[in-house]
N, C-alpha and C. Protein backbone atom coordinates (compact mmCIF):
# COMPACT_ATOMS: atom_id res chain seq x y z
N UNK A 1 -28.81 -191.30 -135.96
CA UNK A 1 -27.94 -191.47 -136.49
C UNK A 1 -27.83 -192.34 -137.85
N UNK A 2 -28.19 -193.43 -137.78
CA UNK A 2 -28.71 -194.05 -139.25
C UNK A 2 -29.14 -193.63 -140.10
N UNK A 3 -30.14 -192.94 -139.94
CA UNK A 3 -30.81 -192.09 -140.54
C UNK A 3 -30.47 -190.97 -141.37
N UNK A 4 -29.40 -190.22 -140.74
CA UNK A 4 -28.79 -189.08 -141.16
C UNK A 4 -27.70 -189.57 -142.13
N UNK A 5 -27.14 -190.89 -141.79
CA UNK A 5 -26.15 -191.32 -142.87
C UNK A 5 -26.83 -191.91 -144.00
N UNK A 6 -28.08 -192.32 -144.25
CA UNK A 6 -28.70 -192.99 -145.32
C UNK A 6 -28.99 -191.46 -146.03
N UNK A 7 -29.63 -190.46 -145.17
CA UNK A 7 -30.07 -189.04 -146.01
C UNK A 7 -28.83 -188.50 -146.52
N UNK A 8 -27.47 -188.44 -146.11
CA UNK A 8 -26.45 -188.14 -146.82
C UNK A 8 -26.00 -188.80 -147.88
N UNK A 9 -26.20 -190.44 -148.05
CA UNK A 9 -26.13 -191.17 -149.02
C UNK A 9 -26.70 -190.97 -150.01
N UNK A 10 -28.15 -190.73 -150.08
CA UNK A 10 -29.36 -190.18 -150.86
C UNK A 10 -28.74 -189.04 -151.45
N UNK A 11 -28.27 -187.98 -150.74
CA UNK A 11 -27.88 -186.80 -151.59
C UNK A 11 -27.04 -186.97 -152.29
N UNK A 12 -25.85 -187.55 -151.82
CA UNK A 12 -24.87 -187.89 -152.56
C UNK A 12 -25.08 -188.60 -153.86
N UNK A 13 -25.76 -189.79 -154.04
CA UNK A 13 -26.35 -190.27 -154.96
C UNK A 13 -27.22 -189.46 -156.10
N UNK A 14 -27.87 -188.54 -155.77
CA UNK A 14 -28.60 -187.45 -156.54
C UNK A 14 -28.03 -186.67 -157.04
N UNK A 15 -27.27 -186.21 -156.14
CA UNK A 15 -26.15 -185.01 -156.88
C UNK A 15 -24.98 -185.48 -157.51
N UNK A 16 -24.67 -186.89 -157.78
CA UNK A 16 -24.09 -187.62 -158.94
C UNK A 16 -24.76 -187.41 -160.20
N UNK A 17 -25.87 -187.57 -160.18
CA UNK A 17 -26.80 -187.61 -161.67
C UNK A 17 -26.50 -186.06 -162.07
N UNK A 18 -26.49 -185.15 -161.59
CA UNK A 18 -25.99 -183.58 -162.03
C UNK A 18 -24.60 -182.94 -162.00
N UNK A 19 -24.22 -183.83 -163.49
CA UNK A 19 -22.75 -183.53 -163.75
C UNK A 19 -22.72 -181.80 -164.21
N UNK A 20 -21.48 -181.25 -164.18
CA UNK A 20 -21.32 -180.13 -164.78
C UNK A 20 -21.20 -180.18 -166.34
N UNK A 21 -22.06 -179.13 -166.99
CA UNK A 21 -21.80 -179.38 -168.35
C UNK A 21 -21.00 -177.72 -168.76
N UNK A 22 -20.45 -178.03 -170.05
CA UNK A 22 -19.72 -176.94 -170.58
C UNK A 22 -20.79 -175.72 -170.98
N UNK A 23 -20.61 -174.19 -170.21
CA UNK A 23 -21.40 -173.44 -170.59
C UNK A 23 -21.94 -173.20 -169.12
N UNK A 24 -21.64 -173.71 -168.18
CA UNK A 24 -22.55 -173.50 -166.65
C UNK A 24 -21.64 -172.49 -166.03
N UNK A 25 -22.24 -171.63 -165.12
CA UNK A 25 -21.64 -170.88 -164.18
C UNK A 25 -21.64 -171.66 -162.83
N UNK A 26 -20.92 -171.56 -162.17
CA UNK A 26 -20.79 -172.30 -160.92
C UNK A 26 -20.34 -171.69 -159.63
N UNK A 27 -21.32 -171.41 -158.56
CA UNK A 27 -20.73 -171.02 -157.17
C UNK A 27 -20.38 -172.02 -156.29
N UNK A 28 -19.23 -172.16 -155.94
CA UNK A 28 -18.54 -173.09 -155.17
C UNK A 28 -18.61 -172.56 -153.92
N UNK A 29 -19.20 -172.93 -152.83
CA UNK A 29 -19.15 -172.44 -151.55
C UNK A 29 -18.21 -173.65 -150.66
N UNK A 30 -17.08 -172.90 -149.64
CA UNK A 30 -16.12 -174.21 -149.32
C UNK A 30 -15.73 -173.84 -148.08
N UNK A 31 -15.28 -174.75 -147.36
CA UNK A 31 -14.51 -174.68 -145.92
C UNK A 31 -13.53 -175.56 -145.94
N UNK A 32 -12.40 -174.98 -144.99
CA UNK A 32 -11.12 -176.00 -144.79
C UNK A 32 -10.47 -175.80 -143.66
N UNK A 33 -9.82 -176.67 -143.49
CA UNK A 33 -8.76 -176.58 -142.08
C UNK A 33 -7.58 -177.09 -142.35
N UNK A 34 -6.52 -176.39 -141.73
CA UNK A 34 -5.26 -177.14 -141.78
C UNK A 34 -4.19 -176.67 -141.10
N UNK A 35 -2.93 -176.37 -141.13
CA UNK A 35 -2.11 -176.16 -140.19
C UNK A 35 -0.76 -175.20 -141.11
N UNK A 36 -0.59 -174.17 -140.63
CA UNK A 36 0.49 -173.57 -140.91
C UNK A 36 1.55 -173.67 -140.65
N UNK A 37 3.30 -173.94 -141.00
CA UNK A 37 4.07 -173.97 -140.55
C UNK A 37 4.99 -172.82 -140.32
N UNK A 38 5.15 -172.01 -139.51
CA UNK A 38 6.15 -171.13 -139.46
C UNK A 38 6.03 -170.61 -137.75
N UNK A 39 7.09 -170.05 -137.01
CA UNK A 39 7.20 -169.51 -135.68
C UNK A 39 6.98 -168.32 -135.75
N UNK A 40 5.33 -167.99 -135.84
CA UNK A 40 5.07 -166.75 -135.53
C UNK A 40 5.22 -166.10 -134.42
N UNK A 41 5.85 -164.87 -134.37
CA UNK A 41 6.67 -164.12 -133.43
C UNK A 41 7.26 -164.93 -132.68
N UNK A 42 8.07 -165.58 -132.93
CA UNK A 42 9.18 -166.61 -132.11
C UNK A 42 8.70 -167.03 -131.05
N UNK A 43 7.32 -167.88 -131.10
CA UNK A 43 6.61 -168.26 -129.76
C UNK A 43 7.18 -169.59 -129.59
N UNK A 44 8.17 -170.14 -130.70
CA UNK A 44 8.68 -171.40 -130.21
C UNK A 44 7.31 -172.64 -130.73
N UNK A 45 6.10 -171.86 -131.47
CA UNK A 45 5.32 -173.00 -131.89
C UNK A 45 5.36 -172.82 -133.33
N UNK A 46 5.90 -174.30 -134.08
CA UNK A 46 6.17 -174.18 -135.55
C UNK A 46 5.11 -174.46 -136.26
N UNK A 47 3.67 -174.98 -135.44
CA UNK A 47 2.72 -175.24 -136.50
C UNK A 47 1.83 -174.80 -135.61
N UNK A 48 0.55 -174.20 -136.43
CA UNK A 48 -0.18 -173.10 -136.26
C UNK A 48 -1.91 -173.56 -136.78
N UNK A 49 -2.97 -174.06 -136.36
CA UNK A 49 -3.92 -174.48 -137.02
C UNK A 49 -4.26 -173.32 -137.64
N UNK A 50 -5.52 -173.64 -138.52
CA UNK A 50 -6.00 -172.70 -139.63
C UNK A 50 -7.32 -173.05 -140.18
N UNK A 51 -8.10 -172.44 -140.16
CA UNK A 51 -9.58 -172.56 -140.63
C UNK A 51 -9.77 -171.65 -141.82
N UNK A 52 -10.80 -172.07 -142.55
CA UNK A 52 -11.04 -170.60 -143.75
C UNK A 52 -12.60 -171.22 -144.38
N UNK A 53 -13.32 -170.08 -144.66
CA UNK A 53 -14.76 -170.28 -145.15
C UNK A 53 -14.75 -169.35 -146.23
N UNK A 54 -15.08 -169.77 -147.58
CA UNK A 54 -15.35 -168.73 -148.79
C UNK A 54 -15.97 -169.32 -149.98
N UNK A 55 -15.72 -168.56 -151.09
CA UNK A 55 -16.54 -169.09 -152.16
C UNK A 55 -15.89 -168.53 -153.42
N UNK A 56 -16.15 -169.25 -154.76
CA UNK A 56 -15.42 -169.47 -156.10
C UNK A 56 -16.66 -169.22 -156.90
N UNK A 57 -16.18 -167.76 -157.33
CA UNK A 57 -17.73 -168.09 -158.61
C UNK A 57 -16.76 -168.20 -160.11
N UNK A 58 -17.32 -169.37 -160.66
CA UNK A 58 -16.37 -169.76 -161.77
C UNK A 58 -17.82 -170.09 -163.16
N UNK A 59 -16.62 -170.02 -163.96
CA UNK A 59 -17.63 -170.92 -165.53
C UNK A 59 -16.84 -172.03 -165.79
N UNK A 60 -17.56 -172.78 -166.43
CA UNK A 60 -17.07 -174.27 -167.06
C UNK A 60 -16.95 -173.95 -168.64
N UNK A 61 -15.61 -173.73 -168.81
CA UNK A 61 -15.14 -173.44 -170.15
C UNK A 61 -15.28 -174.91 -170.88
N UNK A 62 -14.93 -176.14 -170.29
CA UNK A 62 -15.07 -177.09 -171.30
C UNK A 62 -15.74 -178.45 -170.54
N UNK A 63 -15.63 -179.55 -171.07
CA UNK A 63 -16.08 -180.89 -170.09
C UNK A 63 -15.21 -180.79 -169.00
N UNK A 64 -14.17 -180.46 -168.67
CA UNK A 64 -13.28 -180.61 -167.85
C UNK A 64 -12.87 -179.60 -167.09
N UNK A 65 -12.41 -178.47 -167.49
CA UNK A 65 -11.88 -177.10 -167.27
C UNK A 65 -12.99 -176.12 -166.59
N UNK A 66 -12.77 -175.85 -165.56
CA UNK A 66 -13.58 -174.54 -164.97
C UNK A 66 -12.66 -173.23 -164.78
N UNK A 67 -12.80 -172.09 -164.86
CA UNK A 67 -11.83 -171.08 -164.24
C UNK A 67 -12.98 -170.12 -163.57
N UNK A 68 -12.14 -169.30 -162.60
CA UNK A 68 -12.92 -168.12 -161.59
C UNK A 68 -12.39 -167.40 -160.74
N UNK A 69 -12.88 -166.78 -160.18
CA UNK A 69 -12.47 -166.01 -159.14
C UNK A 69 -13.11 -166.32 -157.67
N UNK A 70 -12.22 -165.96 -156.78
CA UNK A 70 -12.83 -166.31 -155.40
C UNK A 70 -12.07 -165.45 -154.21
N UNK A 71 -12.53 -166.05 -153.03
CA UNK A 71 -12.18 -165.22 -151.89
C UNK A 71 -12.64 -166.14 -150.72
N UNK A 72 -11.57 -166.18 -149.67
CA UNK A 72 -12.04 -166.55 -148.85
C UNK A 72 -11.41 -166.02 -147.18
N UNK A 73 -11.94 -166.24 -145.96
CA UNK A 73 -11.39 -165.72 -144.92
C UNK A 73 -10.86 -166.64 -144.01
N UNK A 74 -9.74 -166.41 -143.69
CA UNK A 74 -8.79 -167.36 -143.10
C UNK A 74 -8.49 -167.04 -141.74
N UNK A 75 -8.63 -167.78 -140.59
CA UNK A 75 -8.06 -167.66 -139.22
C UNK A 75 -6.94 -168.24 -138.85
N UNK A 76 -5.88 -167.67 -138.41
CA UNK A 76 -4.95 -168.44 -138.29
C UNK A 76 -4.13 -168.14 -136.72
N UNK A 77 -3.39 -169.16 -136.11
CA UNK A 77 -3.13 -169.25 -134.87
C UNK A 77 -4.19 -168.44 -134.05
N UNK A 78 -5.36 -168.57 -133.90
CA UNK A 78 -6.36 -167.91 -133.04
C UNK A 78 -6.37 -166.48 -133.30
N UNK A 79 -5.31 -165.56 -133.31
CA UNK A 79 -5.62 -164.01 -133.88
C UNK A 79 -5.39 -163.49 -134.86
N UNK A 80 -4.96 -164.04 -135.98
CA UNK A 80 -4.48 -163.61 -137.13
C UNK A 80 -5.34 -164.02 -138.01
N UNK A 81 -6.13 -162.92 -138.94
CA UNK A 81 -7.29 -163.18 -139.67
C UNK A 81 -6.91 -162.23 -140.83
N UNK A 82 -7.17 -163.31 -142.28
CA UNK A 82 -6.58 -162.66 -143.40
C UNK A 82 -7.45 -163.14 -144.50
N UNK A 83 -7.56 -161.81 -145.59
CA UNK A 83 -8.51 -162.16 -146.80
C UNK A 83 -7.96 -162.60 -147.88
N UNK A 84 -7.50 -163.83 -148.41
CA UNK A 84 -6.97 -163.99 -150.06
C UNK A 84 -8.06 -163.62 -150.86
N UNK A 85 -7.57 -163.35 -151.78
CA UNK A 85 -8.44 -163.07 -153.12
C UNK A 85 -7.71 -163.78 -154.22
N UNK A 86 -8.34 -164.37 -155.11
CA UNK A 86 -7.76 -165.07 -156.24
C UNK A 86 -8.08 -165.49 -157.48
N UNK A 87 -7.69 -165.95 -158.38
CA UNK A 87 -7.91 -166.48 -159.58
C UNK A 87 -8.09 -168.12 -159.41
N UNK A 88 -8.57 -168.50 -160.27
CA UNK A 88 -8.74 -170.37 -159.71
C UNK A 88 -9.01 -171.19 -161.07
N UNK A 89 -8.35 -172.22 -161.37
CA UNK A 89 -8.49 -173.05 -162.28
C UNK A 89 -8.90 -174.39 -162.02
N UNK A 90 -9.56 -175.27 -162.48
CA UNK A 90 -9.84 -176.46 -161.72
C UNK A 90 -10.34 -177.60 -162.93
N UNK A 91 -9.32 -178.69 -163.07
CA UNK A 91 -9.42 -179.57 -164.19
C UNK A 91 -10.19 -180.76 -163.29
N UNK A 92 -10.98 -181.24 -163.94
CA UNK A 92 -11.75 -182.62 -163.41
C UNK A 92 -11.28 -183.78 -164.96
N UNK A 93 -11.11 -184.51 -164.45
CA UNK A 93 -10.58 -185.97 -165.23
C UNK A 93 -11.64 -186.89 -165.47
N UNK A 94 -11.96 -187.48 -166.65
CA UNK A 94 -13.13 -188.37 -166.80
C UNK A 94 -13.14 -189.37 -165.71
N UNK A 95 -14.29 -189.54 -165.18
CA UNK A 95 -15.06 -190.63 -164.24
C UNK A 95 -16.34 -190.94 -164.33
N UNK A 96 -17.02 -192.02 -163.97
CA UNK A 96 -18.20 -191.88 -163.83
C UNK A 96 -18.80 -191.20 -162.95
N UNK A 97 -19.07 -191.84 -161.63
CA UNK A 97 -19.77 -190.90 -160.15
C UNK A 97 -18.56 -190.25 -159.68
N UNK A 98 -17.25 -190.70 -159.56
CA UNK A 98 -16.37 -189.81 -159.25
C UNK A 98 -15.22 -189.36 -159.97
N UNK A 99 -14.87 -188.26 -159.92
CA UNK A 99 -14.07 -187.34 -160.90
C UNK A 99 -12.94 -187.06 -160.02
N UNK A 100 -11.47 -187.49 -160.46
CA UNK A 100 -10.48 -186.86 -159.77
C UNK A 100 -10.44 -185.40 -160.29
N UNK A 101 -9.84 -184.69 -159.68
CA UNK A 101 -9.29 -182.89 -159.84
C UNK A 101 -8.27 -182.53 -159.58
N UNK A 102 -7.48 -181.36 -159.99
CA UNK A 102 -6.62 -180.93 -159.42
C UNK A 102 -6.89 -179.16 -159.92
N UNK A 103 -6.41 -178.44 -158.71
CA UNK A 103 -6.79 -177.10 -158.93
C UNK A 103 -5.67 -176.34 -158.61
N UNK A 104 -5.35 -175.00 -159.06
CA UNK A 104 -4.71 -174.21 -158.72
C UNK A 104 -5.31 -172.75 -158.53
N UNK A 105 -4.29 -172.06 -157.32
CA UNK A 105 -5.08 -170.76 -157.08
C UNK A 105 -4.02 -169.96 -157.28
N UNK A 106 -4.06 -168.54 -157.44
CA UNK A 106 -2.93 -167.57 -157.42
C UNK A 106 -3.59 -166.31 -156.97
N UNK A 107 -3.35 -165.42 -155.79
CA UNK A 107 -3.68 -164.10 -155.79
C UNK A 107 -3.01 -163.51 -154.75
N UNK A 108 -3.73 -162.49 -153.95
CA UNK A 108 -3.01 -161.46 -152.89
C UNK A 108 -3.88 -161.65 -151.44
N UNK A 109 -2.80 -161.84 -150.66
CA UNK A 109 -3.79 -161.96 -149.35
C UNK A 109 -3.48 -160.42 -148.56
N UNK A 110 -5.02 -160.10 -148.07
CA UNK A 110 -5.24 -159.01 -147.44
C UNK A 110 -5.20 -159.37 -145.92
N UNK A 111 -4.41 -158.42 -145.01
CA UNK A 111 -4.26 -158.77 -143.45
C UNK A 111 -5.60 -158.11 -143.19
N UNK A 112 -6.59 -158.97 -142.09
CA UNK A 112 -7.63 -158.17 -141.45
C UNK A 112 -7.05 -157.96 -140.25
N UNK A 113 -6.49 -158.45 -139.76
CA UNK A 113 -5.95 -158.69 -138.25
C UNK A 113 -4.83 -159.21 -137.77
N UNK A 114 -3.85 -158.42 -137.47
CA UNK A 114 -2.72 -159.17 -137.28
C UNK A 114 -2.42 -159.52 -135.75
N UNK A 115 -0.97 -160.33 -135.41
CA UNK A 115 -0.69 -160.87 -134.31
C UNK A 115 0.29 -159.87 -133.42
N UNK A 116 0.01 -159.26 -132.63
CA UNK A 116 0.92 -158.20 -131.62
C UNK A 116 1.46 -159.15 -130.76
N UNK A 117 3.12 -158.41 -130.08
CA UNK A 117 3.14 -159.19 -128.72
C UNK A 117 4.34 -158.27 -128.37
N UNK A 118 4.21 -158.18 -126.95
CA UNK A 118 5.26 -157.00 -126.31
C UNK A 118 6.12 -157.89 -125.38
N UNK A 119 7.24 -157.98 -124.96
CA UNK A 119 7.91 -158.95 -124.28
C UNK A 119 9.64 -158.31 -123.94
N UNK A 120 10.39 -158.96 -123.33
CA UNK A 120 11.61 -158.72 -123.11
C UNK A 120 12.42 -159.68 -123.04
N UNK A 121 13.67 -159.63 -123.39
CA UNK A 121 14.63 -160.49 -123.25
C UNK A 121 16.11 -160.36 -123.16
N UNK A 122 16.75 -160.51 -122.23
CA UNK A 122 18.48 -159.90 -121.92
C UNK A 122 18.13 -158.56 -121.48
N UNK A 123 17.59 -158.01 -120.67
CA UNK A 123 17.77 -156.48 -120.71
C UNK A 123 17.10 -155.63 -121.90
N UNK A 124 16.62 -156.35 -123.05
CA UNK A 124 16.00 -155.72 -123.96
C UNK A 124 14.59 -155.77 -123.95
N UNK A 125 13.83 -154.69 -124.41
CA UNK A 125 12.20 -154.80 -124.63
C UNK A 125 11.96 -154.75 -126.25
N UNK A 126 10.64 -155.21 -126.33
CA UNK A 126 10.74 -155.02 -127.86
C UNK A 126 9.08 -155.48 -128.18
N UNK A 127 8.44 -154.80 -129.36
CA UNK A 127 7.20 -155.14 -129.62
C UNK A 127 7.33 -155.73 -131.13
N UNK A 128 6.36 -156.81 -131.29
CA UNK A 128 6.52 -157.68 -132.38
C UNK A 128 5.20 -157.58 -133.27
N UNK A 129 5.05 -158.07 -134.60
CA UNK A 129 3.94 -158.11 -135.00
C UNK A 129 4.01 -159.14 -136.17
N UNK A 130 3.28 -160.05 -136.50
CA UNK A 130 3.09 -160.90 -137.51
C UNK A 130 1.74 -160.54 -138.57
N UNK A 131 1.78 -160.64 -139.87
CA UNK A 131 0.82 -160.22 -140.47
C UNK A 131 0.83 -161.43 -141.65
N UNK A 132 -0.32 -161.94 -142.24
CA UNK A 132 -0.49 -162.72 -143.32
C UNK A 132 -0.67 -161.65 -144.35
N UNK A 133 0.00 -161.27 -145.22
CA UNK A 133 -0.15 -160.61 -146.61
C UNK A 133 0.59 -160.74 -147.78
N UNK A 134 0.27 -160.37 -148.78
CA UNK A 134 1.04 -160.44 -149.81
C UNK A 134 0.77 -161.50 -150.69
N UNK A 135 1.61 -162.32 -151.75
CA UNK A 135 1.48 -163.14 -152.45
C UNK A 135 0.74 -164.46 -151.77
N UNK A 136 -0.19 -165.11 -152.27
CA UNK A 136 -0.81 -166.28 -151.80
C UNK A 136 -0.84 -167.09 -153.00
N UNK A 137 -0.84 -168.54 -152.89
CA UNK A 137 -1.12 -169.34 -153.99
C UNK A 137 -1.69 -170.90 -153.11
N UNK A 138 -2.50 -171.37 -154.02
CA UNK A 138 -2.56 -172.84 -153.46
C UNK A 138 -2.36 -173.97 -154.54
N UNK A 139 -2.38 -175.45 -154.53
CA UNK A 139 -2.30 -176.22 -155.50
C UNK A 139 -2.55 -177.36 -154.46
N UNK A 140 -4.29 -178.05 -154.97
CA UNK A 140 -4.82 -178.91 -154.57
C UNK A 140 -5.37 -180.18 -155.38
N UNK A 141 -5.80 -181.09 -154.96
CA UNK A 141 -5.93 -182.51 -155.67
C UNK A 141 -7.26 -183.26 -154.74
N UNK A 142 -8.06 -183.75 -155.26
CA UNK A 142 -9.18 -184.50 -154.81
C UNK A 142 -10.06 -184.94 -155.89
N UNK A 143 -11.14 -185.35 -155.36
CA UNK A 143 -12.34 -186.20 -156.20
C UNK A 143 -13.48 -185.38 -155.91
N UNK A 144 -14.50 -184.96 -157.25
CA UNK A 144 -15.66 -184.70 -157.37
C UNK A 144 -16.71 -186.01 -157.07
N UNK A 145 -17.67 -185.80 -156.46
CA UNK A 145 -18.72 -186.58 -156.69
C UNK A 145 -20.31 -185.64 -156.52
N UNK A 146 -20.80 -185.65 -157.36
CA UNK A 146 -21.98 -184.80 -157.64
C UNK A 146 -21.81 -183.45 -157.80
N UNK A 147 -22.39 -182.57 -156.61
CA UNK A 147 -22.05 -181.19 -156.44
C UNK A 147 -20.95 -181.08 -155.67
N UNK A 148 -20.09 -182.22 -155.29
CA UNK A 148 -19.34 -181.92 -154.07
C UNK A 148 -17.99 -182.29 -154.47
N UNK A 149 -17.32 -181.39 -153.75
CA UNK A 149 -15.50 -181.85 -153.89
C UNK A 149 -14.99 -181.99 -152.73
N UNK A 150 -13.99 -183.21 -152.54
CA UNK A 150 -13.14 -183.60 -151.23
C UNK A 150 -12.07 -183.27 -151.57
N UNK A 151 -10.69 -182.48 -150.98
CA UNK A 151 -9.43 -182.22 -151.58
C UNK A 151 -8.64 -181.88 -150.23
N UNK A 152 -7.24 -182.32 -150.80
CA UNK A 152 -5.89 -182.01 -150.07
C UNK A 152 -5.32 -181.42 -150.75
N UNK A 153 -4.66 -180.22 -150.28
CA UNK A 153 -3.69 -179.13 -150.59
C UNK A 153 -2.70 -178.79 -149.94
N UNK A 154 -1.78 -177.88 -150.63
CA UNK A 154 -0.84 -177.04 -150.10
C UNK A 154 -0.92 -175.82 -150.59
N UNK A 155 -0.56 -174.94 -149.38
CA UNK A 155 -1.04 -173.46 -149.71
C UNK A 155 0.41 -172.88 -149.14
N UNK A 156 0.48 -171.66 -150.05
CA UNK A 156 1.55 -170.76 -149.88
C UNK A 156 1.15 -169.34 -149.67
N UNK A 157 1.70 -168.44 -148.34
CA UNK A 157 1.47 -167.19 -148.11
C UNK A 157 2.48 -166.64 -147.60
N UNK A 158 2.68 -165.12 -148.21
CA UNK A 158 3.74 -164.39 -147.58
C UNK A 158 3.42 -164.11 -145.95
N UNK A 159 4.31 -164.03 -144.94
CA UNK A 159 4.28 -163.84 -143.81
C UNK A 159 4.88 -162.53 -143.68
N UNK A 160 4.75 -161.53 -142.98
CA UNK A 160 5.39 -160.05 -143.10
C UNK A 160 5.64 -160.38 -141.38
N UNK A 161 6.79 -160.25 -140.56
CA UNK A 161 7.13 -159.96 -139.56
C UNK A 161 7.94 -158.80 -139.10
N UNK A 162 7.25 -157.89 -138.13
CA UNK A 162 8.10 -156.85 -137.78
C UNK A 162 8.32 -156.71 -136.33
N UNK A 163 9.77 -156.54 -136.13
CA UNK A 163 10.08 -156.25 -134.71
C UNK A 163 10.92 -155.20 -134.31
N UNK A 164 10.44 -154.25 -133.20
CA UNK A 164 11.37 -153.05 -132.87
C UNK A 164 11.51 -152.70 -131.33
N UNK A 165 12.20 -152.57 -130.61
CA UNK A 165 12.66 -152.45 -129.24
C UNK A 165 13.65 -151.67 -128.98
N UNK A 166 14.15 -151.41 -127.89
CA UNK A 166 15.47 -151.02 -127.18
C UNK A 166 16.23 -151.75 -126.55
N UNK A 167 17.58 -152.04 -126.86
CA UNK A 167 18.58 -152.79 -126.00
C UNK A 167 18.71 -152.40 -124.72
N UNK A 168 19.70 -153.08 -123.77
CA UNK A 168 19.88 -153.05 -122.69
C UNK A 168 20.81 -151.35 -122.50
N UNK A 169 21.31 -150.95 -123.45
CA UNK A 169 21.96 -149.46 -123.44
C UNK A 169 20.84 -148.39 -123.57
N UNK A 170 19.70 -148.84 -124.16
CA UNK A 170 18.58 -147.92 -124.78
C UNK A 170 18.76 -147.31 -125.80
N UNK A 171 19.53 -148.40 -126.92
CA UNK A 171 19.46 -147.88 -128.01
C UNK A 171 18.23 -148.73 -129.04
N UNK A 172 17.43 -148.00 -130.07
CA UNK A 172 16.44 -148.64 -130.21
C UNK A 172 17.10 -149.64 -131.56
N UNK A 173 16.33 -150.85 -131.82
CA UNK A 173 16.51 -151.76 -133.20
C UNK A 173 15.32 -152.03 -133.63
N UNK A 174 15.47 -152.46 -135.09
CA UNK A 174 14.24 -152.94 -135.51
C UNK A 174 14.54 -154.05 -136.50
N UNK A 175 13.54 -154.97 -136.70
CA UNK A 175 13.72 -156.07 -137.59
C UNK A 175 12.61 -156.30 -138.44
N UNK A 176 12.87 -156.89 -139.55
CA UNK A 176 11.86 -156.98 -140.65
C UNK A 176 11.81 -158.21 -141.59
N UNK A 177 11.01 -158.73 -141.63
CA UNK A 177 11.26 -159.93 -142.43
C UNK A 177 9.94 -160.50 -143.47
N UNK A 178 10.15 -160.97 -144.38
CA UNK A 178 8.63 -161.34 -145.50
C UNK A 178 9.40 -162.79 -145.77
N UNK A 179 8.43 -163.78 -145.58
CA UNK A 179 9.08 -165.01 -146.16
C UNK A 179 7.47 -165.87 -146.49
N UNK A 180 7.70 -166.40 -147.87
CA UNK A 180 6.83 -167.52 -148.16
C UNK A 180 6.87 -168.48 -147.48
N UNK A 181 5.31 -168.92 -146.68
CA UNK A 181 5.63 -170.02 -145.83
C UNK A 181 4.43 -171.00 -146.00
N UNK A 182 4.61 -172.38 -146.05
CA UNK A 182 3.64 -173.26 -146.35
C UNK A 182 2.86 -173.90 -145.66
N UNK A 183 1.46 -174.29 -145.87
CA UNK A 183 0.35 -174.77 -145.12
C UNK A 183 0.20 -175.92 -145.71
N UNK A 184 -0.66 -177.17 -145.04
CA UNK A 184 -1.37 -178.10 -145.79
C UNK A 184 -2.67 -178.16 -145.12
N UNK A 185 -3.93 -178.63 -145.97
CA UNK A 185 -5.10 -178.50 -145.60
C UNK A 185 -6.00 -179.50 -146.38
N UNK A 186 -7.01 -179.94 -145.59
CA UNK A 186 -8.04 -180.50 -146.18
C UNK A 186 -9.37 -179.67 -146.45
N UNK A 187 -10.00 -179.70 -147.81
CA UNK A 187 -11.26 -178.67 -148.15
C UNK A 187 -12.29 -179.63 -148.53
N UNK A 188 -13.64 -178.99 -148.29
CA UNK A 188 -14.88 -179.76 -148.74
C UNK A 188 -15.35 -178.17 -149.62
N UNK A 189 -16.09 -178.73 -150.38
CA UNK A 189 -16.93 -177.53 -151.26
C UNK A 189 -18.24 -178.37 -151.86
N UNK A 190 -19.00 -177.38 -151.76
CA UNK A 190 -20.27 -177.68 -152.54
C UNK A 190 -20.65 -176.89 -153.65
N UNK A 191 -21.21 -177.32 -154.88
CA UNK A 191 -21.17 -176.38 -155.88
C UNK A 191 -22.32 -176.33 -156.72
N UNK A 192 -22.98 -175.18 -157.00
CA UNK A 192 -24.37 -174.83 -157.00
C UNK A 192 -24.20 -174.19 -158.69
N UNK A 193 -24.89 -175.12 -159.14
CA UNK A 193 -24.70 -174.96 -161.21
C UNK A 193 -25.69 -174.05 -161.79
N UNK A 194 -25.49 -172.92 -162.50
CA UNK A 194 -26.41 -172.27 -162.82
C UNK A 194 -26.33 -172.26 -164.37
N UNK A 195 -27.77 -171.85 -165.22
CA UNK A 195 -27.36 -172.02 -166.57
C UNK A 195 -27.91 -173.06 -167.37
N UNK A 196 -27.88 -173.52 -168.39
CA UNK A 196 -28.35 -174.85 -169.40
C UNK A 196 -29.58 -175.24 -168.44
């Protein structure tokens, strides 16, 4: 274990010698985990775990600002899978080995797999579905050291829920809603630099 910690420490020190320079292309591989705050399908769970893997392809515009486009695959509540595609802007502040940064993303989320549920309540039966699709945005802050970024952020995504069924008299009913819901997450990214 000590050798692993020492090896990781050496990687961080070596990585810190390769700062981003203006005019470079950057491929950022990332992973994050967090929680989404929403009662998906009225299951009385207000918090749902969420994990994601993705990438951002960017360009270092200046010594501090990089812009890019990216996508990640997100898994929420064990069964809801979705794909946000977004534009990104990241600003790194001055620093020696550790540079604070802020990042904003905005785009559209495509549903890959929704959550479905069949149930009954007080003589009525219904079918419900929940999808993460539509508007997507994040705001994050953290620190860059070498090729690595570690951050904490807030995400907003449109949750589309739909319910249809039959009441006790046999009459059909339906309900549909779309709401922007928040999530919080922690993230880690590794940056590969190209050019210059």
